């Protein structure tokens, strides 16, 4: 597990390279930040996850900050507030060696505004 700031709040985070969308627990998000979302999210075992909505999150890892749209969910792995999916990992230098995740602050900005370095 790694420590990530989401909207200035430290969240217990899990890296999931099989997850294409980053997920955040609804209890750590102010309700005014959540907008409607019709996405269907499936867990690794194929079961649907209850989606509350989505939000644009300001995510800080190792001193670098990006903005990214995240899916807000009710249920999550116990002890985890945020799941870092490949949508966020693509903006950082990520490695997995001997089961240990490492994320370096080499965030970049695309021309489509999908992630913006601050």
PDB file of N, CA and C in Angstrom:
ATOM      1  N   UNK A   1       0.838  -1.169   0.000  1.00  0.00           N
ATOM      2  CA  UNK A   1       0.000   0.000   0.000  1.00  0.00           C
ATOM      3  C   UNK A   1       0.892   1.244   0.000  1.00  0.00           C
ATOM      4  N   UNK A   2       0.431   2.286  -0.687  1.00  0.00           N
ATOM      5  CA  UNK A   2       1.199   3.523  -0.747  1.00  0.00           C
ATOM      6  C   UNK A   2       0.330   4.690  -0.274  1.00  0.00           C
ATOM      7  N   UNK A   3       0.987   5.765   0.095  1.00  0.00           N
ATOM      8  CA  UNK A   3       0.291   6.967   0.541  1.00  0.00           C
ATOM      9  C   UNK A   3       0.188   7.944  -0.628  1.00  0.00           C
ATOM     10  N   UNK A   4      -1.028   8.371  -0.915  1.00  0.00           N
ATOM     11  CA  UNK A   4      -1.298   9.292  -2.020  1.00  0.00           C
ATOM     12  C   UNK A   4      -2.207  10.392  -1.488  1.00  0.00           C
ATOM     13  N   UNK A   5      -1.967  11.633  -1.903  1.00  0.00           N
ATOM     14  CA  UNK A   5      -2.869  12.727  -1.536  1.00  0.00           C
ATOM     15  C   UNK A   5      -3.900  12.886  -2.644  1.00  0.00           C
ATOM     16  N   UNK A   6      -5.155  12.891  -2.249  1.00  0.00           N
ATOM     17  CA  UNK A   6      -6.253  13.130  -3.177  1.00  0.00           C
ATOM     18  C   UNK A   6      -7.013  14.334  -2.647  1.00  0.00           C
ATOM     19  N   UNK A   7      -6.957  15.433  -3.381  1.00  0.00           N
ATOM     20  CA  UNK A   7      -7.589  16.668  -2.928  1.00  0.00           C
ATOM     21  C   UNK A   7      -6.992  17.175  -1.628  1.00  0.00           C
ATOM     22  N   UNK A   8      -5.704  16.935  -1.436  1.00  0.00           N
ATOM     23  CA  UNK A   8      -5.026  17.384  -0.234  1.00  0.00           C
ATOM     24  C   UNK A   8      -5.150  16.441   0.946  1.00  0.00           C
ATOM     25  N   UNK A   9      -5.962  15.421   0.812  1.00  0.00           N
ATOM     26  CA  UNK A   9      -6.185  14.457   1.889  1.00  0.00           C
ATOM     27  C   UNK A   9      -5.359  13.199   1.627  1.00  0.00           C
ATOM     28  N   UNK A  10      -4.622  12.740   2.639  1.00  0.00           N
ATOM     29  CA  UNK A  10      -3.826  11.525   2.497  1.00  0.00           C
ATOM     30  C   UNK A  10      -4.760  10.318   2.493  1.00  0.00           C
ATOM     31  N   UNK A  11      -4.626   9.490   1.455  1.00  0.00           N
ATOM     32  CA  UNK A  11      -5.450   8.296   1.316  1.00  0.00           C
ATOM     33  C   UNK A  11      -4.572   7.047   1.286  1.00  0.00           C
ATOM     34  N   UNK A  12      -5.056   6.005   1.932  1.00  0.00           N
ATOM     35  CA  UNK A  12      -4.391   4.705   1.841  1.00  0.00           C
ATOM     36  C   UNK A  12      -4.739   4.144   0.475  1.00  0.00           C
ATOM     37  N   UNK A  13      -3.714   3.912  -0.334  1.00  0.00           N
ATOM     38  CA  UNK A  13      -3.948   3.588  -1.738  1.00  0.00           C
ATOM     39  C   UNK A  13      -3.328   2.254  -2.122  1.00  0.00           C
ATOM     40  N   UNK A  14      -3.978   1.629  -3.063  1.00  0.00           N
ATOM     41  CA  UNK A  14      -3.535   0.356  -3.600  1.00  0.00           C
ATOM     42  C   UNK A  14      -3.301   0.531  -5.091  1.00  0.00           C
ATOM     43  N   UNK A  15      -2.179   0.036  -5.593  1.00  0.00           N
ATOM     44  CA  UNK A  15      -1.903   0.072  -7.030  1.00  0.00           C
ATOM     45  C   UNK A  15      -2.539  -1.158  -7.658  1.00  0.00           C
ATOM     46  N   UNK A  16      -3.337  -0.950  -8.705  1.00  0.00           N
ATOM     47  CA  UNK A  16      -3.986  -2.059  -9.404  1.00  0.00           C
ATOM     48  C   UNK A  16      -3.756  -1.897 -10.903  1.00  0.00           C
ATOM     49  N   UNK A  17      -2.758  -2.599 -11.419  1.00  0.00           N
ATOM     50  CA  UNK A  17      -2.415  -2.484 -12.838  1.00  0.00           C
ATOM     51  C   UNK A  17      -3.457  -3.136 -13.749  1.00  0.00           C
ATOM     52  N   UNK A  18      -4.407  -3.850 -13.169  1.00  0.00           N
ATOM     53  CA  UNK A  18      -5.480  -4.439 -13.957  1.00  0.00           C
ATOM     54  C   UNK A  18      -6.722  -3.565 -14.002  1.00  0.00           C
ATOM     55  N   UNK A  19      -6.688  -2.445 -13.303  1.00  0.00           N
ATOM     56  CA  UNK A  19      -7.824  -1.529 -13.229  1.00  0.00           C
ATOM     57  C   UNK A  19      -7.560  -0.331 -14.147  1.00  0.00           C
ATOM     58  N   UNK A  20      -8.414  -0.118 -15.119  1.00  0.00           N
ATOM     59  CA  UNK A  20      -8.193   0.973 -16.074  1.00  0.00           C
ATOM     60  C   UNK A  20      -8.689   2.316 -15.548  1.00  0.00           C
ATOM     61  N   UNK A  21      -9.544   2.307 -14.531  1.00  0.00           N
ATOM     62  CA  UNK A  21     -10.056   3.542 -13.929  1.00  0.00           C
ATOM     63  C   UNK A  21      -9.671   3.565 -12.458  1.00  0.00           C
ATOM     64  N   UNK A  22      -9.273   4.724 -11.967  1.00  0.00           N
ATOM     65  CA  UNK A  22      -8.970   4.867 -10.553  1.00  0.00           C
ATOM     66  C   UNK A  22     -10.277   5.035  -9.800  1.00  0.00           C
ATOM     67  N   UNK A  23     -10.333   4.420  -8.611  1.00  0.00           N
ATOM     68  CA  UNK A  23     -11.541   4.418  -7.793  1.00  0.00           C
ATOM     69  C   UNK A  23     -11.258   5.065  -6.450  1.00  0.00           C
ATOM     70  N   UNK A  24     -12.234   5.801  -5.939  1.00  0.00           N
ATOM     71  CA  UNK A  24     -12.099   6.420  -4.624  1.00  0.00           C
ATOM     72  C   UNK A  24     -13.331   6.099  -3.788  1.00  0.00           C
ATOM     73  N   UNK A  25     -13.093   5.820  -2.522  1.00  0.00           N
ATOM     74  CA  UNK A  25     -14.176   5.494  -1.588  1.00  0.00           C
ATOM     75  C   UNK A  25     -15.036   6.744  -1.356  1.00  0.00           C
ATOM     76  N   UNK A  26     -16.350   6.582  -1.406  1.00  0.00           N
ATOM     77  CA  UNK A  26     -17.275   7.713  -1.265  1.00  0.00           C
ATOM     78  C   UNK A  26     -17.136   8.418   0.079  1.00  0.00           C
ATOM     79  N   UNK A  27     -16.734   7.715   1.124  1.00  0.00           N
ATOM     80  CA  UNK A  27     -16.642   8.326   2.449  1.00  0.00           C
ATOM     81  C   UNK A  27     -15.510   9.347   2.569  1.00  0.00           C
ATOM     82  N   UNK A  28     -14.585   9.382   1.596  1.00  0.00           N
ATOM     83  CA  UNK A  28     -13.495  10.367   1.654  1.00  0.00           C
ATOM     84  C   UNK A  28     -13.707  11.518   0.669  1.00  0.00           C
ATOM     85  N   UNK A  29     -14.873  11.550   0.031  1.00  0.00           N
ATOM     86  CA  UNK A  29     -15.179  12.576  -0.964  1.00  0.00           C
ATOM     87  C   UNK A  29     -16.347  13.436  -0.469  1.00  0.00           C
ATOM     88  N   UNK A  30     -16.204  14.745  -0.565  1.00  0.00           N
ATOM     89  CA  UNK A  30     -17.317  15.634  -0.214  1.00  0.00           C
ATOM     90  C   UNK A  30     -18.417  15.446  -1.267  1.00  0.00           C
ATOM     91  N   UNK A  31     -19.664  15.245  -0.837  1.00  0.00           N
ATOM     92  CA  UNK A  31     -20.758  14.987  -1.783  1.00  0.00           C
ATOM     93  C   UNK A  31     -20.894  16.024  -2.899  1.00  0.00           C
ATOM     94  N   UNK A  32     -20.524  17.283  -2.636  1.00  0.00           N
ATOM     95  CA  UNK A  32     -20.648  18.323  -3.657  1.00  0.00           C
ATOM     96  C   UNK A  32     -19.683  18.112  -4.824  1.00  0.00           C
ATOM     97  N   UNK A  33     -18.671  17.287  -4.647  1.00  0.00           N
ATOM     98  CA  UNK A  33     -17.669  17.027  -5.697  1.00  0.00           C
ATOM     99  C   UNK A  33     -18.096  15.907  -6.643  1.00  0.00           C
ATOM    100  N   UNK A  34     -19.133  15.168  -6.276  1.00  0.00           N
ATOM    101  CA  UNK A  34     -19.558  13.991  -7.033  1.00  0.00           C
ATOM    102  C   UNK A  34     -20.611  14.369  -8.070  1.00  0.00           C
ATOM    103  N   UNK A  35     -20.385  13.927  -9.304  1.00  0.00           N
ATOM    104  CA  UNK A  35     -21.375  14.114 -10.369  1.00  0.00           C
ATOM    105  C   UNK A  35     -21.851  12.742 -10.843  1.00  0.00           C
ATOM    106  N   UNK A  36     -22.982  12.740 -11.529  1.00  0.00           N
ATOM    107  CA  UNK A  36     -23.595  11.499 -11.986  1.00  0.00           C
ATOM    108  C   UNK A  36     -22.665  10.723 -12.921  1.00  0.00           C
ATOM    109  N   UNK A  37     -22.726   9.408 -12.830  1.00  0.00           N
ATOM    110  CA  UNK A  37     -21.896   8.543 -13.665  1.00  0.00           C
ATOM    111  C   UNK A  37     -22.673   7.263 -13.955  1.00  0.00           C
ATOM    112  N   UNK A  38     -22.737   6.893 -15.202  1.00  0.00           N
ATOM    113  CA  UNK A  38     -23.480   5.690 -15.612  1.00  0.00           C
ATOM    114  C   UNK A  38     -22.555   4.511 -15.900  1.00  0.00           C
ATOM    115  N   UNK A  39     -21.270   4.654 -15.549  1.00  0.00           N
ATOM    116  CA  UNK A  39     -20.317   3.587 -15.821  1.00  0.00           C
ATOM    117  C   UNK A  39     -20.626   2.339 -15.008  1.00  0.00           C
ATOM    118  N   UNK A  40     -20.321   1.203 -15.597  1.00  0.00           N
ATOM    119  CA  UNK A  40     -20.406  -0.067 -14.895  1.00  0.00           C
ATOM    120  C   UNK A  40     -18.970  -0.502 -14.635  1.00  0.00           C
ATOM    121  N   UNK A  41     -18.661  -0.723 -13.366  1.00  0.00           N
ATOM    122  CA  UNK A  41     -17.324  -1.140 -12.966  1.00  0.00           C
ATOM    123  C   UNK A  41     -17.429  -2.557 -12.421  1.00  0.00           C
ATOM    124  N   UNK A  42     -16.556  -3.435 -12.916  1.00  0.00           N
ATOM    125  CA  UNK A  42     -16.545  -4.817 -12.457  1.00  0.00           C
ATOM    126  C   UNK A  42     -15.289  -5.088 -11.651  1.00  0.00           C
ATOM    127  N   UNK A  43     -15.430  -5.862 -10.579  1.00  0.00           N
ATOM    128  CA  UNK A  43     -14.280  -6.252  -9.769  1.00  0.00           C
ATOM    129  C   UNK A  43     -13.517  -7.357 -10.500  1.00  0.00           C
ATOM    130  N   UNK A  44     -12.390  -7.748  -9.948  1.00  0.00           N
ATOM    131  CA  UNK A  44     -11.548  -8.770 -10.571  1.00  0.00           C
ATOM    132  C   UNK A  44     -12.292 -10.096 -10.752  1.00  0.00           C
ATOM    133  N   UNK A  45     -13.273 -10.367  -9.886  1.00  0.00           N
ATOM    134  CA  UNK A  45     -14.036 -11.619 -10.013  1.00  0.00           C
ATOM    135  C   UNK A  45     -15.273 -11.464 -10.899  1.00  0.00           C
ATOM    136  N   UNK A  46     -15.402 -10.295 -11.552  1.00  0.00           N
ATOM    137  CA  UNK A  46     -16.495 -10.072 -12.500  1.00  0.00           C
ATOM    138  C   UNK A  46     -17.781  -9.544 -11.897  1.00  0.00           C
ATOM    139  N   UNK A  47     -17.805  -9.333 -10.594  1.00  0.00           N
ATOM    140  CA  UNK A  47     -19.009  -8.820  -9.940  1.00  0.00           C
ATOM    141  C   UNK A  47     -19.058  -7.303 -10.067  1.00  0.00           C
ATOM    142  N   UNK A  48     -20.265  -6.737 -10.256  1.00  0.00           N
ATOM    143  CA  UNK A  48     -20.376  -5.270 -10.365  1.00  0.00           C
ATOM    144  C   UNK A  48     -20.091  -4.580  -9.032  1.00  0.00           C
ATOM    145  N   UNK A  49     -19.460  -3.408  -9.128  1.00  0.00           N
ATOM    146  CA  UNK A  49     -19.172  -2.572  -7.973  1.00  0.00           C
ATOM    147  C   UNK A  49     -20.163  -1.419  -7.990  1.00  0.00           C
ATOM    148  N   UNK A  50     -20.749  -1.100  -6.847  1.00  0.00           N
ATOM    149  CA  UNK A  50     -21.735  -0.022  -6.747  1.00  0.00           C
ATOM    150  C   UNK A  50     -21.067   1.332  -6.986  1.00  0.00           C
ATOM    151  N   UNK A  51     -21.445   1.990  -8.083  1.00  0.00           N
ATOM    152  CA  UNK A  51     -20.885   3.291  -8.450  1.00  0.00           C
ATOM    153  C   UNK A  51     -21.798   4.399  -7.929  1.00  0.00           C
ATOM    154  N   UNK A  52     -21.208   5.336  -7.185  1.00  0.00           N
ATOM    155  CA  UNK A  52     -21.948   6.489  -6.658  1.00  0.00           C
ATOM    156  C   UNK A  52     -21.955   7.610  -7.687  1.00  0.00           C
ATOM    157  N   UNK A  53     -20.831   7.794  -8.375  1.00  0.00           N
ATOM    158  CA  UNK A  53     -20.681   8.856  -9.358  1.00  0.00           C
ATOM    159  C   UNK A  53     -19.225   8.962  -9.772  1.00  0.00           C
ATOM    160  N   UNK A  54     -18.837  10.148 -10.211  1.00  0.00           N
ATOM    161  CA  UNK A  54     -17.442  10.386 -10.573  1.00  0.00           C
ATOM    162  C   UNK A  54     -17.052  11.772 -10.091  1.00  0.00           C
ATOM    163  N   UNK A  55     -15.755  12.017 -10.056  1.00  0.00           N
ATOM    164  CA  UNK A  55     -15.259  13.322  -9.619  1.00  0.00           C
ATOM    165  C   UNK A  55     -13.928  13.593 -10.286  1.00  0.00           C
ATOM    166  N   UNK A  56     -13.584  14.854 -10.395  1.00  0.00           N
ATOM    167  CA  UNK A  56     -12.252  15.220 -10.864  1.00  0.00           C
ATOM    168  C   UNK A  56     -11.402  15.379  -9.611  1.00  0.00           C
ATOM    169  N   UNK A  57     -10.377  14.552  -9.519  1.00  0.00           N
ATOM    170  CA  UNK A  57      -9.537  14.526  -8.325  1.00  0.00           C
ATOM    171  C   UNK A  57      -8.177  15.146  -8.620  1.00  0.00           C
ATOM    172  N   UNK A  58      -7.662  15.861  -7.638  1.00  0.00           N
ATOM    173  CA  UNK A  58      -6.290  16.375  -7.693  1.00  0.00           C
ATOM    174  C   UNK A  58      -5.450  15.374  -6.913  1.00  0.00           C
ATOM    175  N   UNK A  59      -4.567  14.685  -7.617  1.00  0.00           N
ATOM    176  CA  UNK A  59      -3.820  13.552  -7.058  1.00  0.00           C
ATOM    177  C   UNK A  59      -2.344  13.908  -6.977  1.00  0.00           C
ATOM    178  N   UNK A  60      -1.762  13.764  -5.779  1.00  0.00           N
ATOM    179  CA  UNK A  60      -0.346  14.062  -5.579  1.00  0.00           C
ATOM    180  C   UNK A  60       0.391  12.812  -5.136  1.00  0.00           C
ATOM    181  N   UNK A  61       1.447  12.486  -5.895  1.00  0.00           N
ATOM    182  CA  UNK A  61       2.307  11.350  -5.576  1.00  0.00           C
ATOM    183  C   UNK A  61       3.744  11.843  -5.679  1.00  0.00           C
ATOM    184  N   UNK A  62       4.505  11.629  -4.636  1.00  0.00           N
ATOM    185  CA  UNK A  62       5.934  11.964  -4.641  1.00  0.00           C
ATOM    186  C   UNK A  62       6.173  13.422  -5.064  1.00  0.00           C
ATOM    187  N   UNK A  63       5.288  14.321  -4.638  1.00  0.00           N
ATOM    188  CA  UNK A  63       5.476  15.738  -4.919  1.00  0.00           C
ATOM    189  C   UNK A  63       4.949  16.218  -6.264  1.00  0.00           C
ATOM    190  N   UNK A  64       4.501  15.327  -7.138  1.00  0.00           N
ATOM    191  CA  UNK A  64       3.932  15.713  -8.440  1.00  0.00           C
ATOM    192  C   UNK A  64       2.426  15.597  -8.376  1.00  0.00           C
ATOM    193  N   UNK A  65       1.743  16.540  -8.998  1.00  0.00           N
ATOM    194  CA  UNK A  65       0.286  16.579  -8.948  1.00  0.00           C
ATOM    195  C   UNK A  65      -0.302  16.521 -10.352  1.00  0.00           C
ATOM    196  N   UNK A  66      -1.338  15.689 -10.489  1.00  0.00           N
ATOM    197  CA  UNK A  66      -2.100  15.618 -11.733  1.00  0.00           C
ATOM    198  C   UNK A  66      -3.583  15.680 -11.387  1.00  0.00           C
ATOM    199  N   UNK A  67      -4.391  16.058 -12.340  1.00  0.00           N
ATOM    200  CA  UNK A  67      -5.834  15.953 -12.166  1.00  0.00           C
ATOM    201  C   UNK A  67      -6.309  14.787 -13.019  1.00  0.00           C
ATOM    202  N   UNK A  68      -7.286  14.077 -12.501  1.00  0.00           N
ATOM    203  CA  UNK A  68      -7.786  12.910 -13.214  1.00  0.00           C
ATOM    204  C   UNK A  68      -9.222  12.637 -12.763  1.00  0.00           C
ATOM    205  N   UNK A  69     -10.058  12.211 -13.691  1.00  0.00           N
ATOM    206  CA  UNK A  69     -11.416  11.824 -13.349  1.00  0.00           C
ATOM    207  C   UNK A  69     -11.382  10.440 -12.704  1.00  0.00           C
ATOM    208  N   UNK A  70     -11.983  10.325 -11.529  1.00  0.00           N
ATOM    209  CA  UNK A  70     -12.015   9.064 -10.793  1.00  0.00           C
ATOM    210  C   UNK A  70     -13.459   8.652 -10.550  1.00  0.00           C
ATOM    211  N   UNK A  71     -13.670   7.354 -10.444  1.00  0.00           N
ATOM    212  CA  UNK A  71     -14.992   6.820 -10.162  1.00  0.00           C
ATOM    213  C   UNK A  71     -15.150   6.699  -8.643  1.00  0.00           C
ATOM    214  N   UNK A  72     -16.265   7.194  -8.130  1.00  0.00           N
ATOM    215  CA  UNK A  72     -16.559   7.152  -6.696  1.00  0.00           C
ATOM    216  C   UNK A  72     -17.422   5.916  -6.427  1.00  0.00           C
ATOM    217  N   UNK A  73     -16.976   5.095  -5.476  1.00  0.00           N
ATOM    218  CA  UNK A  73     -17.676   3.843  -5.166  1.00  0.00           C
ATOM    219  C   UNK A  73     -17.957   3.758  -3.671  1.00  0.00           C
ATOM    220  N   UNK A  74     -18.986   2.977  -3.317  1.00  0.00           N
ATOM    221  CA  UNK A  74     -19.317   2.762  -1.904  1.00  0.00           C
ATOM    222  C   UNK A  74     -18.410   1.711  -1.286  1.00  0.00           C
ATOM    223  N   UNK A  75     -18.335   0.576  -1.915  1.00  0.00           N
ATOM    224  CA  UNK A  75     -17.595  -0.552  -1.355  1.00  0.00           C
ATOM    225  C   UNK A  75     -16.195  -0.619  -1.948  1.00  0.00           C
ATOM    226  N   UNK A  76     -15.244  -0.919  -1.075  1.00  0.00           N
ATOM    227  CA  UNK A  76     -13.862  -1.057  -1.513  1.00  0.00           C
ATOM    228  C   UNK A  76     -13.178  -2.040  -0.575  1.00  0.00           C
ATOM    229  N   UNK A  77     -11.992  -2.457  -0.934  1.00  0.00           N
ATOM    230  CA  UNK A  77     -11.212  -3.352  -0.094  1.00  0.00           C
ATOM    231  C   UNK A  77     -11.052  -2.701   1.285  1.00  0.00           C
ATOM    232  N   UNK A  78     -11.272  -3.443   2.369  1.00  0.00           N
ATOM    233  CA  UNK A  78     -11.102  -2.862   3.707  1.00  0.00           C
ATOM    234  C   UNK A  78      -9.716  -2.248   3.889  1.00  0.00           C
ATOM    235  N   UNK A  79      -9.687  -1.043   4.458  1.00  0.00           N
ATOM    236  CA  UNK A  79      -8.425  -0.354   4.717  1.00  0.00           C
ATOM    237  C   UNK A  79      -7.876   0.426   3.542  1.00  0.00           C
ATOM    238  N   UNK A  80      -8.588   0.430   2.420  1.00  0.00           N
ATOM    239  CA  UNK A  80      -8.141   1.141   1.216  1.00  0.00           C
ATOM    240  C   UNK A  80      -9.142   2.254   0.902  1.00  0.00           C
ATOM    241  N   UNK A  81      -8.607   3.467   0.650  1.00  0.00           N
ATOM    242  CA  UNK A  81      -9.460   4.603   0.286  1.00  0.00           C
ATOM    243  C   UNK A  81      -9.441   4.899  -1.208  1.00  0.00           C
ATOM    244  N   UNK A  82      -8.366   4.506  -1.860  1.00  0.00           N
ATOM    245  CA  UNK A  82      -8.150   4.898  -3.256  1.00  0.00           C
ATOM    246  C   UNK A  82      -7.437   3.773  -3.998  1.00  0.00           C
ATOM    247  N   UNK A  83      -7.944   3.411  -5.157  1.00  0.00           N
ATOM    248  CA  UNK A  83      -7.269   2.428  -6.004  1.00  0.00           C
ATOM    249  C   UNK A  83      -6.695   3.169  -7.199  1.00  0.00           C
ATOM    250  N   UNK A  84      -5.384   3.108  -7.307  1.00  0.00           N
ATOM    251  CA  UNK A  84      -4.673   3.748  -8.421  1.00  0.00           C
ATOM    252  C   UNK A  84      -4.739   2.834  -9.632  1.00  0.00           C
ATOM    253  N   UNK A  85      -5.498   3.240 -10.627  1.00  0.00           N
ATOM    254  CA  UNK A  85      -5.595   2.467 -11.858  1.00  0.00           C
ATOM    255  C   UNK A  85      -4.600   2.968 -12.893  1.00  0.00           C
ATOM    256  N   UNK A  86      -4.600   2.329 -14.032  1.00  0.00           N
ATOM    257  CA  UNK A  86      -3.650   2.696 -15.087  1.00  0.00           C
ATOM    258  C   UNK A  86      -3.915   4.088 -15.650  1.00  0.00           C
ATOM    259  N   UNK A  87      -5.134   4.614 -15.462  1.00  0.00           N
ATOM    260  CA  UNK A  87      -5.427   5.974 -15.931  1.00  0.00           C
ATOM    261  C   UNK A  87      -4.574   7.009 -15.210  1.00  0.00           C
ATOM    262  N   UNK A  88      -4.225   6.768 -13.950  1.00  0.00           N
ATOM    263  CA  UNK A  88      -3.342   7.667 -13.204  1.00  0.00           C
ATOM    264  C   UNK A  88      -1.887   7.220 -13.349  1.00  0.00           C
ATOM    265  N   UNK A  89      -1.651   5.926 -13.285  1.00  0.00           N
ATOM    266  CA  UNK A  89      -0.275   5.414 -13.351  1.00  0.00           C
ATOM    267  C   UNK A  89       0.443   5.830 -14.630  1.00  0.00           C
ATOM    268  N   UNK A  90      -0.286   6.023 -15.725  1.00  0.00           N
ATOM    269  CA  UNK A  90       0.346   6.392 -16.992  1.00  0.00           C
ATOM    270  C   UNK A  90       1.074   7.733 -16.923  1.00  0.00           C
ATOM    271  N   UNK A  91       0.710   8.576 -15.952  1.00  0.00           N
ATOM    272  CA  UNK A  91       1.320   9.894 -15.835  1.00  0.00           C
ATOM    273  C   UNK A  91       2.556   9.907 -14.946  1.00  0.00           C
ATOM    274  N   UNK A  92       2.882   8.746 -14.393  1.00  0.00           N
ATOM    275  CA  UNK A  92       4.030   8.622 -13.509  1.00  0.00           C
ATOM    276  C   UNK A  92       4.928   7.492 -13.977  1.00  0.00           C
ATOM    277  N   UNK A  93       6.160   7.498 -13.502  1.00  0.00           N
ATOM    278  CA  UNK A  93       7.079   6.400 -13.771  1.00  0.00           C
ATOM    279  C   UNK A  93       6.806   5.335 -12.717  1.00  0.00           C
ATOM    280  N   UNK A  94       6.261   4.209 -13.143  1.00  0.00           N
ATOM    281  CA  UNK A  94       5.821   3.166 -12.231  1.00  0.00           C
ATOM    282  C   UNK A  94       6.617   1.897 -12.469  1.00  0.00           C
ATOM    283  N   UNK A  95       7.020   1.238 -11.385  1.00  0.00           N
ATOM    284  CA  UNK A  95       7.677  -0.070 -11.526  1.00  0.00           C
ATOM    285  C   UNK A  95       7.195  -0.989 -10.411  1.00  0.00           C
ATOM    286  N   UNK A  96       7.217  -2.267 -10.702  1.00  0.00           N
ATOM    287  CA  UNK A  96       6.832  -3.295  -9.745  1.00  0.00           C
ATOM    288  C   UNK A  96       7.959  -4.313  -9.723  1.00  0.00           C
ATOM    289  N   UNK A  97       8.716  -4.337  -8.633  1.00  0.00           N
ATOM    290  CA  UNK A  97       9.864  -5.223  -8.523  1.00  0.00           C
ATOM    291  C   UNK A  97       9.703  -6.076  -7.283  1.00  0.00           C
ATOM    292  N   UNK A  98       9.731  -7.390  -7.485  1.00  0.00           N
ATOM    293  CA  UNK A  98       9.582  -8.339  -6.379  1.00  0.00           C
ATOM    294  C   UNK A  98       8.346  -8.047  -5.527  1.00  0.00           C
ATOM    295  N   UNK A  99       7.254  -7.680  -6.191  1.00  0.00           N
ATOM    296  CA  UNK A  99       5.997  -7.428  -5.506  1.00  0.00           C
ATOM    297  C   UNK A  99       5.898  -6.078  -4.816  1.00  0.00           C
ATOM    298  N   UNK A 100       6.908  -5.232  -4.947  1.00  0.00           N
ATOM    299  CA  UNK A 100       6.892  -3.904  -4.312  1.00  0.00           C
ATOM    300  C   UNK A 100       6.718  -2.833  -5.382  1.00  0.00           C
ATOM    301  N   UNK A 101       5.691  -2.002  -5.208  1.00  0.00           N
ATOM    302  CA  UNK A 101       5.402  -0.937  -6.167  1.00  0.00           C
ATOM    303  C   UNK A 101       6.263   0.278  -5.878  1.00  0.00           C
ATOM    304  N   UNK A 102       6.697   0.927  -6.943  1.00  0.00           N
ATOM    305  CA  UNK A 102       7.453   2.165  -6.833  1.00  0.00           C
ATOM    306  C   UNK A 102       6.890   3.148  -7.851  1.00  0.00           C
ATOM    307  N   UNK A 103       6.582   4.361  -7.386  1.00  0.00           N
ATOM    308  CA  UNK A 103       6.049   5.392  -8.273  1.00  0.00           C
ATOM    309  C   UNK A 103       6.937   6.615  -8.140  1.00  0.00           C
ATOM    310  N   UNK A 104       7.457   7.077  -9.262  1.00  0.00           N
ATOM    311  CA  UNK A 104       8.323   8.257  -9.260  1.00  0.00           C
ATOM    312  C   UNK A 104       7.581   9.440  -9.868  1.00  0.00           C
ATOM    313  N   UNK A 105       7.975  10.614  -9.483  1.00  0.00           N
ATOM    314  CA  UNK A 105       7.317  11.845  -9.916  1.00  0.00           C
ATOM    315  C   UNK A 105       7.854  12.333 -11.247  1.00  0.00           C
ATOM    316  N   UNK A 106       7.462  11.672 -12.316  1.00  0.00           N
ATOM    317  CA  UNK A 106       7.797  12.156 -13.656  1.00  0.00           C
ATOM    318  C   UNK A 106       6.499  12.366 -14.419  1.00  0.00           C
ATOM    319  N   UNK A 107       5.557  13.036 -13.759  1.00  0.00           N
ATOM    320  CA  UNK A 107       4.255  13.272 -14.370  1.00  0.00           C
ATOM    321  C   UNK A 107       4.401  14.135 -15.613  1.00  0.00           C
ATOM    322  N   UNK A 108       3.523  13.903 -16.574  1.00  0.00           N
ATOM    323  CA  UNK A 108       3.557  14.678 -17.817  1.00  0.00           C
ATOM    324  C   UNK A 108       2.163  15.184 -18.139  1.00  0.00           C
ATOM    325  N   UNK A 109       2.083  16.030 -19.125  1.00  0.00           N
ATOM    326  CA  UNK A 109       0.831  16.642 -19.519  1.00  0.00           C
ATOM    327  C   UNK A 109       0.565  16.288 -20.977  1.00  0.00           C
ATOM    328  N   UNK A 110      -0.638  15.767 -21.255  1.00  0.00           N
ATOM    329  CA  UNK A 110      -0.967  15.529 -22.664  1.00  0.00           C
ATOM    330  C   UNK A 110      -1.682  16.748 -23.216  1.00  0.00           C
ATOM    331  N   UNK A 111      -1.852  16.794 -24.508  1.00  0.00           N
ATOM    332  CA  UNK A 111      -2.500  17.941 -25.149  1.00  0.00           C
ATOM    333  C   UNK A 111      -4.024  17.899 -25.078  1.00  0.00           C
ATOM    334  N   UNK A 112      -4.564  16.791 -24.537  1.00  0.00           N
ATOM    335  CA  UNK A 112      -6.010  16.670 -24.442  1.00  0.00           C
ATOM    336  C   UNK A 112      -6.553  17.078 -23.088  1.00  0.00           C
ATOM    337  N   UNK A 113      -5.653  17.410 -22.155  1.00  0.00           N
ATOM    338  CA  UNK A 113      -6.103  17.827 -20.829  1.00  0.00           C
ATOM    339  C   UNK A 113      -6.509  16.684 -19.919  1.00  0.00           C
ATOM    340  N   UNK A 114      -6.164  15.431 -20.264  1.00  0.00           N
ATOM    341  CA  UNK A 114      -6.545  14.291 -19.435  1.00  0.00           C
ATOM    342  C   UNK A 114      -5.843  14.292 -18.090  1.00  0.00           C
ATOM    343  N   UNK A 115      -4.630  14.783 -18.056  1.00  0.00           N
ATOM    344  CA  UNK A 115      -3.911  14.925 -16.790  1.00  0.00           C
ATOM    345  C   UNK A 115      -3.067  16.189 -16.912  1.00  0.00           C
ATOM    346  N   UNK A 116      -3.070  16.970 -15.866  1.00  0.00           N
ATOM    347  CA  UNK A 116      -2.374  18.244 -15.918  1.00  0.00           C
ATOM    348  C   UNK A 116      -1.426  18.323 -14.735  1.00  0.00           C
ATOM    349  N   UNK A 117      -0.158  18.513 -15.012  1.00  0.00           N
ATOM    350  CA  UNK A 117       0.807  18.672 -13.934  1.00  0.00           C
ATOM    351  C   UNK A 117       0.656  20.048 -13.338  1.00  0.00           C
ATOM    352  N   UNK A 118       0.671  20.121 -12.034  1.00  0.00           N
ATOM    353  CA  UNK A 118       0.564  21.424 -11.345  1.00  0.00           C
ATOM    354  C   UNK A 118       1.911  21.814 -10.821  1.00  0.00           C
TER     355      UNK A 118
END
